[in-house]
Amino acid sequence: MNLTELEGKIMTKKRLTNAGEDLVAKDRMSYLEALAHVCEVTGFDPSGIKRLLNDSIKEKLEVEALELRLIKGDRPNKLPGL
């Protein structure tokens, strides 16, 4: 499902997850960028996004935030150069 198909539809967990995962896979966006883009294109208020995130997306966002040092915590182990 592309983003133009989402316009005017009620945002659900499944739609948000699919749209976010598609952007990450096809456009090589981070999860944070992908979800922000989905909200921007569809007009969905980002403040209400938390209730639509499944556990998998929440974990991926947390890993990204730790790597970018947006939140405190132990950064995931990563091999040098990757």
PDB file of N, CA and C in Angstrom:
ATOM      1  N   MET A   1       0.857  -1.183   0.000  1.00  0.00           N
ATOM      2  CA  MET A   1       0.000   0.000   0.000  1.00  0.00           C
ATOM      3  C   MET A   1       0.892   1.231   0.000  1.00  0.00           C
ATOM      4  N   ASN A   2       0.687   2.120  -0.971  1.00  0.00           N
ATOM      5  CA  ASN A   2       1.501   3.330  -0.973  1.00  0.00           C
ATOM      6  C   ASN A   2       0.803   4.424  -0.171  1.00  0.00           C
ATOM      7  N   LEU A   3       1.531   5.486   0.091  1.00  0.00           N
ATOM      8  CA  LEU A   3       1.021   6.535   0.985  1.00  0.00           C
ATOM      9  C   LEU A   3      -0.186   7.267   0.422  1.00  0.00           C
ATOM     10  N   THR A   4      -0.277   7.413  -0.874  1.00  0.00           N
ATOM     11  CA  THR A   4      -1.426   8.127  -1.439  1.00  0.00           C
ATOM     12  C   THR A   4      -2.714   7.351  -1.208  1.00  0.00           C
ATOM     13  N   GLU A   5      -2.614   6.040  -1.090  1.00  0.00           N
ATOM     14  CA  GLU A   5      -3.790   5.226  -0.795  1.00  0.00           C
ATOM     15  C   GLU A   5      -4.275   5.414   0.637  1.00  0.00           C
ATOM     16  N   LEU A   6      -3.400   5.884   1.516  1.00  0.00           N
ATOM     17  CA  LEU A   6      -3.765   6.074   2.918  1.00  0.00           C
ATOM     18  C   LEU A   6      -4.511   7.374   3.181  1.00  0.00           C
ATOM     19  N   GLU A   7      -4.392   8.329   2.264  1.00  0.00           N
ATOM     20  CA  GLU A   7      -5.028   9.625   2.478  1.00  0.00           C
ATOM     21  C   GLU A   7      -6.536   9.456   2.640  1.00  0.00           C
ATOM     22  N   GLY A   8      -7.066  10.062   3.680  1.00  0.00           N
ATOM     23  CA  GLY A   8      -8.497  10.027   3.931  1.00  0.00           C
ATOM     24  C   GLY A   8      -8.979   8.778   4.632  1.00  0.00           C
ATOM     25  N   LYS A   9      -8.090   7.816   4.880  1.00  0.00           N
ATOM     26  CA  LYS A   9      -8.480   6.595   5.579  1.00  0.00           C
ATOM     27  C   LYS A   9      -8.124   6.720   7.060  1.00  0.00           C
ATOM     28  N   ILE A  10      -8.832   5.982   7.860  1.00  0.00           N
ATOM     29  CA  ILE A  10      -8.546   5.947   9.286  1.00  0.00           C
ATOM     30  C   ILE A  10      -7.234   5.196   9.481  1.00  0.00           C
ATOM     31  N   MET A  11      -6.334   5.789  10.255  1.00  0.00           N
ATOM     32  CA  MET A  11      -5.033   5.160  10.494  1.00  0.00           C
ATOM     33  C   MET A  11      -5.192   4.050  11.521  1.00  0.00           C
ATOM     34  N   THR A  12      -4.716   2.873  11.165  1.00  0.00           N
ATOM     35  CA  THR A  12      -4.740   1.722  12.061  1.00  0.00           C
ATOM     36  C   THR A  12      -3.309   1.261  12.304  1.00  0.00           C
ATOM     37  N   LYS A  13      -3.138   0.380  13.292  1.00  0.00           N
ATOM     38  CA  LYS A  13      -1.811  -0.169  13.574  1.00  0.00           C
ATOM     39  C   LYS A  13      -1.239  -0.837  12.333  1.00  0.00           C
ATOM     40  N   LYS A  14      -2.058  -1.620  11.674  1.00  0.00           N
ATOM     41  CA  LYS A  14      -1.597  -2.366  10.509  1.00  0.00           C
ATOM     42  C   LYS A  14      -1.192  -1.427   9.374  1.00  0.00           C
ATOM     43  N   ARG A  15      -1.993  -0.421   9.094  1.00  0.00           N
ATOM     44  CA  ARG A  15      -1.676   0.526   8.021  1.00  0.00           C
ATOM     45  C   ARG A  15      -0.406   1.310   8.318  1.00  0.00           C
ATOM     46  N   LEU A  16      -0.273   1.762   9.561  1.00  0.00           N
ATOM     47  CA  LEU A  16       0.916   2.518   9.953  1.00  0.00           C
ATOM     48  C   LEU A  16       2.162   1.639   9.865  1.00  0.00           C
ATOM     49  N   THR A  17       2.080   0.427  10.376  1.00  0.00           N
ATOM     50  CA  THR A  17       3.203  -0.496  10.340  1.00  0.00           C
ATOM     51  C   THR A  17       3.609  -0.811   8.903  1.00  0.00           C
ATOM     52  N   ASN A  18       2.631  -1.129   8.057  1.00  0.00           N
ATOM     53  CA  ASN A  18       2.940  -1.460   6.664  1.00  0.00           C
ATOM     54  C   ASN A  18       3.568  -0.277   5.928  1.00  0.00           C
ATOM     55  N   ALA A  19       3.009   0.899   6.112  1.00  0.00           N
ATOM     56  CA  ALA A  19       3.536   2.085   5.433  1.00  0.00           C
ATOM     57  C   ALA A  19       4.952   2.392   5.923  1.00  0.00           C
ATOM     58  N   GLY A  20       5.174   2.309   7.232  1.00  0.00           N
ATOM     59  CA  GLY A  20       6.500   2.564   7.792  1.00  0.00           C
ATOM     60  C   GLY A  20       7.527   1.547   7.318  1.00  0.00           C
ATOM     61  N   GLU A  21       7.175   0.270   7.363  1.00  0.00           N
ATOM     62  CA  GLU A  21       8.085  -0.791   6.933  1.00  0.00           C
ATOM     63  C   GLU A  21       8.406  -0.664   5.440  1.00  0.00           C
ATOM     64  N   ASP A  22       7.418  -0.292   4.627  1.00  0.00           N
ATOM     65  CA  ASP A  22       7.643  -0.106   3.190  1.00  0.00           C
ATOM     66  C   ASP A  22       8.664   1.005   2.941  1.00  0.00           C
ATOM     67  N   LEU A  23       8.518   2.118   3.645  1.00  0.00           N
ATOM     68  CA  LEU A  23       9.457   3.233   3.468  1.00  0.00           C
ATOM     69  C   LEU A  23      10.867   2.862   3.918  1.00  0.00           C
ATOM     70  N   VAL A  24      10.967   2.118   4.992  1.00  0.00           N
ATOM     71  CA  VAL A  24      12.282   1.697   5.485  1.00  0.00           C
ATOM     72  C   VAL A  24      12.936   0.767   4.460  1.00  0.00           C
ATOM     73  N   ALA A  25      12.169  -0.159   3.921  1.00  0.00           N
ATOM     74  CA  ALA A  25      12.722  -1.132   2.984  1.00  0.00           C
ATOM     75  C   ALA A  25      13.018  -0.521   1.614  1.00  0.00           C
ATOM     76  N   LYS A  26      12.079   0.223   1.067  1.00  0.00           N
ATOM     77  CA  LYS A  26      12.214   0.729  -0.303  1.00  0.00           C
ATOM     78  C   LYS A  26      13.039   2.007  -0.389  1.00  0.00           C
ATOM     79  N   ASP A  27      12.809   2.940   0.525  1.00  0.00           N
ATOM     80  CA  ASP A  27      13.468   4.244   0.448  1.00  0.00           C
ATOM     81  C   ASP A  27      14.651   4.373   1.400  1.00  0.00           C
ATOM     82  N   ARG A  28      14.947   3.281   2.125  1.00  0.00           N
ATOM     83  CA  ARG A  28      16.084   3.242   3.047  1.00  0.00           C
ATOM     84  C   ARG A  28      16.039   4.384   4.069  1.00  0.00           C
ATOM     85  N   MET A  29      14.847   4.664   4.573  1.00  0.00           N
ATOM     86  CA  MET A  29      14.669   5.661   5.630  1.00  0.00           C
ATOM     87  C   MET A  29      14.858   4.974   6.971  1.00  0.00           C
ATOM     88  N   SER A  30      15.148   5.768   7.993  1.00  0.00           N
ATOM     89  CA  SER A  30      15.132   5.225   9.349  1.00  0.00           C
ATOM     90  C   SER A  30      13.666   5.095   9.760  1.00  0.00           C
ATOM     91  N   TYR A  31      13.415   4.354  10.829  1.00  0.00           N
ATOM     92  CA  TYR A  31      12.029   4.205  11.288  1.00  0.00           C
ATOM     93  C   TYR A  31      11.467   5.537  11.751  1.00  0.00           C
ATOM     94  N   LEU A  32      12.278   6.331  12.395  1.00  0.00           N
ATOM     95  CA  LEU A  32      11.840   7.644  12.853  1.00  0.00           C
ATOM     96  C   LEU A  32      11.438   8.521  11.670  1.00  0.00           C
ATOM     97  N   GLU A  33      12.280   8.551  10.632  1.00  0.00           N
ATOM     98  CA  GLU A  33      11.976   9.329   9.430  1.00  0.00           C
ATOM     99  C   GLU A  33      10.732   8.797   8.724  1.00  0.00           C
ATOM    100  N   ALA A  34      10.627   7.485   8.626  1.00  0.00           N
ATOM    101  CA  ALA A  34       9.506   6.869   7.925  1.00  0.00           C
ATOM    102  C   ALA A  34       8.176   7.199   8.604  1.00  0.00           C
ATOM    103  N   LEU A  35       8.134   7.084   9.916  1.00  0.00           N
ATOM    104  CA  LEU A  35       6.881   7.363  10.628  1.00  0.00           C
ATOM    105  C   LEU A  35       6.535   8.850  10.577  1.00  0.00           C
ATOM    106  N   ALA A  36       7.541   9.705  10.653  1.00  0.00           N
ATOM    107  CA  ALA A  36       7.296  11.145  10.524  1.00  0.00           C
ATOM    108  C   ALA A  36       6.764  11.461   9.124  1.00  0.00           C
ATOM    109  N   HIS A  37       7.315  10.805   8.116  1.00  0.00           N
ATOM    110  CA  HIS A  37       6.878  11.014   6.738  1.00  0.00           C
ATOM    111  C   HIS A  37       5.430  10.561   6.549  1.00  0.00           C
ATOM    112  N   VAL A  38       5.091   9.412   7.097  1.00  0.00           N
ATOM    113  CA  VAL A  38       3.714   8.906   7.001  1.00  0.00           C
ATOM    114  C   VAL A  38       2.750   9.912   7.631  1.00  0.00           C
ATOM    115  N   CYS A  39       3.107  10.435   8.798  1.00  0.00           N
ATOM    116  CA  CYS A  39       2.247  11.421   9.468  1.00  0.00           C
ATOM    117  C   CYS A  39       2.103  12.682   8.621  1.00  0.00           C
ATOM    118  N   GLU A  40       3.197  13.131   8.025  1.00  0.00           N
ATOM    119  CA  GLU A  40       3.174  14.349   7.217  1.00  0.00           C
ATOM    120  C   GLU A  40       2.296  14.175   5.968  1.00  0.00           C
ATOM    121  N   VAL A  41       2.480  13.069   5.275  1.00  0.00           N
ATOM    122  CA  VAL A  41       1.755  12.838   4.023  1.00  0.00           C
ATOM    123  C   VAL A  41       0.264  12.608   4.264  1.00  0.00           C
ATOM    124  N   THR A  42      -0.057  11.884   5.333  1.00  0.00           N
ATOM    125  CA  THR A  42      -1.460  11.546   5.587  1.00  0.00           C
ATOM    126  C   THR A  42      -2.191  12.588   6.422  1.00  0.00           C
ATOM    127  N   GLY A  43      -1.443  13.521   7.020  1.00  0.00           N
ATOM    128  CA  GLY A  43      -2.066  14.523   7.872  1.00  0.00           C
ATOM    129  C   GLY A  43      -2.393  14.004   9.258  1.00  0.00           C
ATOM    130  N   PHE A  44      -1.820  12.846   9.618  1.00  0.00           N
ATOM    131  CA  PHE A  44      -2.051  12.258  10.931  1.00  0.00           C
ATOM    132  C   PHE A  44      -1.242  13.021  11.977  1.00  0.00           C
ATOM    133  N   ASP A  45      -1.854  13.319  13.105  1.00  0.00           N
ATOM    134  CA  ASP A  45      -1.189  14.055  14.178  1.00  0.00           C
ATOM    135  C   ASP A  45      -0.170  13.143  14.859  1.00  0.00           C
ATOM    136  N   PRO A  46       1.125  13.482  14.807  1.00  0.00           N
ATOM    137  CA  PRO A  46       2.160  12.624  15.402  1.00  0.00           C
ATOM    138  C   PRO A  46       2.000  12.404  16.903  1.00  0.00           C
ATOM    139  N   SER A  47       1.300  13.290  17.585  1.00  0.00           N
ATOM    140  CA  SER A  47       1.128  13.107  19.033  1.00  0.00           C
ATOM    141  C   SER A  47       0.250  11.897  19.358  1.00  0.00           C
ATOM    142  N   GLY A  48      -0.495  11.405  18.395  1.00  0.00           N
ATOM    143  CA  GLY A  48      -1.352  10.239  18.622  1.00  0.00           C
ATOM    144  C   GLY A  48      -0.774   8.950  18.097  1.00  0.00           C
ATOM    145  N   ILE A  49       0.479   8.985  17.676  1.00  0.00           N
ATOM    146  CA  ILE A  49       1.071   7.819  17.024  1.00  0.00           C
ATOM    147  C   ILE A  49       1.422   6.691  18.004  1.00  0.00           C
ATOM    148  N   LYS A  50       1.675   7.028  19.244  1.00  0.00           N
ATOM    149  CA  LYS A  50       2.123   6.024  20.216  1.00  0.00           C
ATOM    150  C   LYS A  50       1.156   4.851  20.325  1.00  0.00           C
ATOM    151  N   ARG A  51      -0.108   5.128  20.311  1.00  0.00           N
ATOM    152  CA  ARG A  51      -1.097   4.050  20.471  1.00  0.00           C
ATOM    153  C   ARG A  51      -1.173   3.142  19.250  1.00  0.00           C
ATOM    154  N   LEU A  52      -0.598   3.584  18.125  1.00  0.00           N
ATOM    155  CA  LEU A  52      -0.648   2.783  16.903  1.00  0.00           C
ATOM    156  C   LEU A  52       0.635   2.004  16.624  1.00  0.00           C
ATOM    157  N   LEU A  53       1.625   2.149  17.484  1.00  0.00           N
ATOM    158  CA  LEU A  53       2.888   1.447  17.266  1.00  0.00           C
ATOM    159  C   LEU A  53       2.832   0.049  17.863  1.00  0.00           C
ATOM    160  N   ASN A  54       3.214  -0.939  17.054  1.00  0.00           N
ATOM    161  CA  ASN A  54       3.274  -2.291  17.601  1.00  0.00           C
ATOM    162  C   ASN A  54       4.612  -2.478  18.310  1.00  0.00           C
ATOM    163  N   ASP A  55       4.778  -3.572  19.019  1.00  0.00           N
ATOM    164  CA  ASP A  55       5.979  -3.789  19.822  1.00  0.00           C
ATOM    165  C   ASP A  55       7.239  -3.834  18.969  1.00  0.00           C
ATOM    166  N   SER A  56       7.153  -4.406  17.792  1.00  0.00           N
ATOM    167  CA  SER A  56       8.310  -4.508  16.902  1.00  0.00           C
ATOM    168  C   SER A  56       8.816  -3.125  16.496  1.00  0.00           C
ATOM    169  N   ILE A  57       7.907  -2.247  16.101  1.00  0.00           N
ATOM    170  CA  ILE A  57       8.288  -0.890  15.691  1.00  0.00           C
ATOM    171  C   ILE A  57       8.832  -0.114  16.897  1.00  0.00           C
ATOM    172  N   LYS A  58       8.213  -0.292  18.069  1.00  0.00           N
ATOM    173  CA  LYS A  58       8.696   0.392  19.272  1.00  0.00           C
ATOM    174  C   LYS A  58      10.140   0.003  19.576  1.00  0.00           C
ATOM    175  N   GLU A  59      10.451  -1.284  19.442  1.00  0.00           N
ATOM    176  CA  GLU A  59      11.811  -1.749  19.707  1.00  0.00           C
ATOM    177  C   GLU A  59      12.794  -1.170  18.699  1.00  0.00           C
ATOM    178  N   LYS A  60      12.413  -1.138  17.441  1.00  0.00           N
ATOM    179  CA  LYS A  60      13.286  -0.598  16.396  1.00  0.00           C
ATOM    180  C   LYS A  60      13.509   0.900  16.596  1.00  0.00           C
ATOM    181  N   LEU A  61      12.472   1.614  16.992  1.00  0.00           N
ATOM    182  CA  LEU A  61      12.616   3.040  17.283  1.00  0.00           C
ATOM    183  C   LEU A  61      13.542   3.263  18.474  1.00  0.00           C
ATOM    184  N   GLU A  62      13.411   2.426  19.486  1.00  0.00           N
ATOM    185  CA  GLU A  62      14.257   2.561  20.669  1.00  0.00           C
ATOM    186  C   GLU A  62      15.726   2.332  20.314  1.00  0.00           C
ATOM    187  N   VAL A  63      16.005   1.331  19.493  1.00  0.00           N
ATOM    188  CA  VAL A  63      17.380   1.059  19.075  1.00  0.00           C
ATOM    189  C   VAL A  63      17.933   2.253  18.297  1.00  0.00           C
ATOM    190  N   GLU A  64      17.142   2.797  17.364  1.00  0.00           N
ATOM    191  CA  GLU A  64      17.579   3.974  16.608  1.00  0.00           C
ATOM    192  C   GLU A  64      17.854   5.157  17.534  1.00  0.00           C
ATOM    193  N   ALA A  65      16.959   5.384  18.472  1.00  0.00           N
ATOM    194  CA  ALA A  65      17.111   6.513  19.401  1.00  0.00           C
ATOM    195  C   ALA A  65      18.351   6.344  20.272  1.00  0.00           C
ATOM    196  N   LEU A  66      18.630   5.115  20.697  1.00  0.00           N
ATOM    197  CA  LEU A  66      19.835   4.863  21.485  1.00  0.00           C
ATOM    198  C   LEU A  66      21.086   5.107  20.649  1.00  0.00           C
ATOM    199  N   GLU A  67      21.079   4.631  19.402  1.00  0.00           N
ATOM    200  CA  GLU A  67      22.233   4.819  18.523  1.00  0.00           C
ATOM    201  C   GLU A  67      22.490   6.299  18.240  1.00  0.00           C
ATOM    202  N   LEU A  68      21.414   7.074  18.131  1.00  0.00           N
ATOM    203  CA  LEU A  68      21.535   8.509  17.867  1.00  0.00           C
ATOM    204  C   LEU A  68      21.703   9.324  19.143  1.00  0.00           C
ATOM    205  N   ARG A  69      21.700   8.616  20.259  1.00  0.00           N
ATOM    206  CA  ARG A  69      21.825   9.236  21.582  1.00  0.00           C
ATOM    207  C   ARG A  69      20.710  10.244  21.865  1.00  0.00           C
ATOM    208  N   LEU A  70      19.520   9.912  21.373  1.00  0.00           N
ATOM    209  CA  LEU A  70      18.349  10.735  21.654  1.00  0.00           C
ATOM    210  C   LEU A  70      17.752  10.383  23.012  1.00  0.00           C
ATOM    211  N   ILE A  71      18.010   9.155  23.451  1.00  0.00           N
ATOM    212  CA  ILE A  71      17.579   8.716  24.771  1.00  0.00           C
ATOM    213  C   ILE A  71      18.773   8.072  25.468  1.00  0.00           C
ATOM    214  N   LYS A  72      18.735   8.040  26.793  1.00  0.00           N
ATOM    215  CA  LYS A  72      19.819   7.439  27.556  1.00  0.00           C
ATOM    216  C   LYS A  72      19.568   5.954  27.711  1.00  0.00           C
ATOM    217  N   GLY A  73      20.645   5.244  27.787  1.00  0.00           N
ATOM    218  CA  GLY A  73      20.557   3.801  27.979  1.00  0.00           C
ATOM    219  C   GLY A  73      21.761   3.140  27.352  1.00  0.00           C
ATOM    220  N   ASP A  74      21.793   1.823  27.427  1.00  0.00           N
ATOM    221  CA  ASP A  74      22.888   1.073  26.837  1.00  0.00           C
ATOM    222  C   ASP A  74      22.649   0.938  25.344  1.00  0.00           C
ATOM    223  N   ARG A  75      23.637   1.373  24.596  1.00  0.00           N
ATOM    224  CA  ARG A  75      23.529   1.243  23.151  1.00  0.00           C
ATOM    225  C   ARG A  75      23.721  -0.208  22.770  1.00  0.00           C
ATOM    226  N   PRO A  76      23.015  -0.660  21.736  1.00  0.00           N
ATOM    227  CA  PRO A  76      23.169  -2.053  21.323  1.00  0.00           C
ATOM    228  C   PRO A  76      24.592  -2.313  20.824  1.00  0.00           C
ATOM    229  N   ASN A  77      25.071  -3.528  21.040  1.00  0.00           N
ATOM    230  CA  ASN A  77      26.397  -3.896  20.567  1.00  0.00           C
ATOM    231  C   ASN A  77      26.404  -3.928  19.057  1.00  0.00           C
ATOM    232  N   LYS A  78      27.448  -3.357  18.494  1.00  0.00           N
ATOM    233  CA  LYS A  78      27.539  -3.276  17.045  1.00  0.00           C
ATOM    234  C   LYS A  78      29.004  -3.447  16.664  1.00  0.00           C
ATOM    235  N   LEU A  79      29.251  -4.183  15.608  1.00  0.00           N
ATOM    236  CA  LEU A  79      30.620  -4.364  15.149  1.00  0.00           C
ATOM    237  C   LEU A  79      31.159  -3.070  14.585  1.00  0.00           C
ATOM    238  N   PRO A  80      32.434  -2.772  14.772  1.00  0.00           N
ATOM    239  CA  PRO A  80      33.024  -1.555  14.212  1.00  0.00           C
ATOM    240  C   PRO A  80      32.891  -1.522  12.694  1.00  0.00           C
ATOM    241  N   GLY A  81      32.594  -0.358  12.170  1.00  0.00           N
ATOM    242  CA  GLY A  81      32.482  -0.183  10.726  1.00  0.00           C
ATOM    243  C   GLY A  81      31.135  -0.532  10.151  1.00  0.00           C
ATOM    244  N   LEU A  82      30.190  -0.963  10.945  1.00  0.00           N
ATOM    245  CA  LEU A  82      28.856  -1.294  10.416  1.00  0.00           C
ATOM    246  C   LEU A  82      27.862  -0.229  10.725  1.00  0.00           C
TER     247      LEU A  82
END
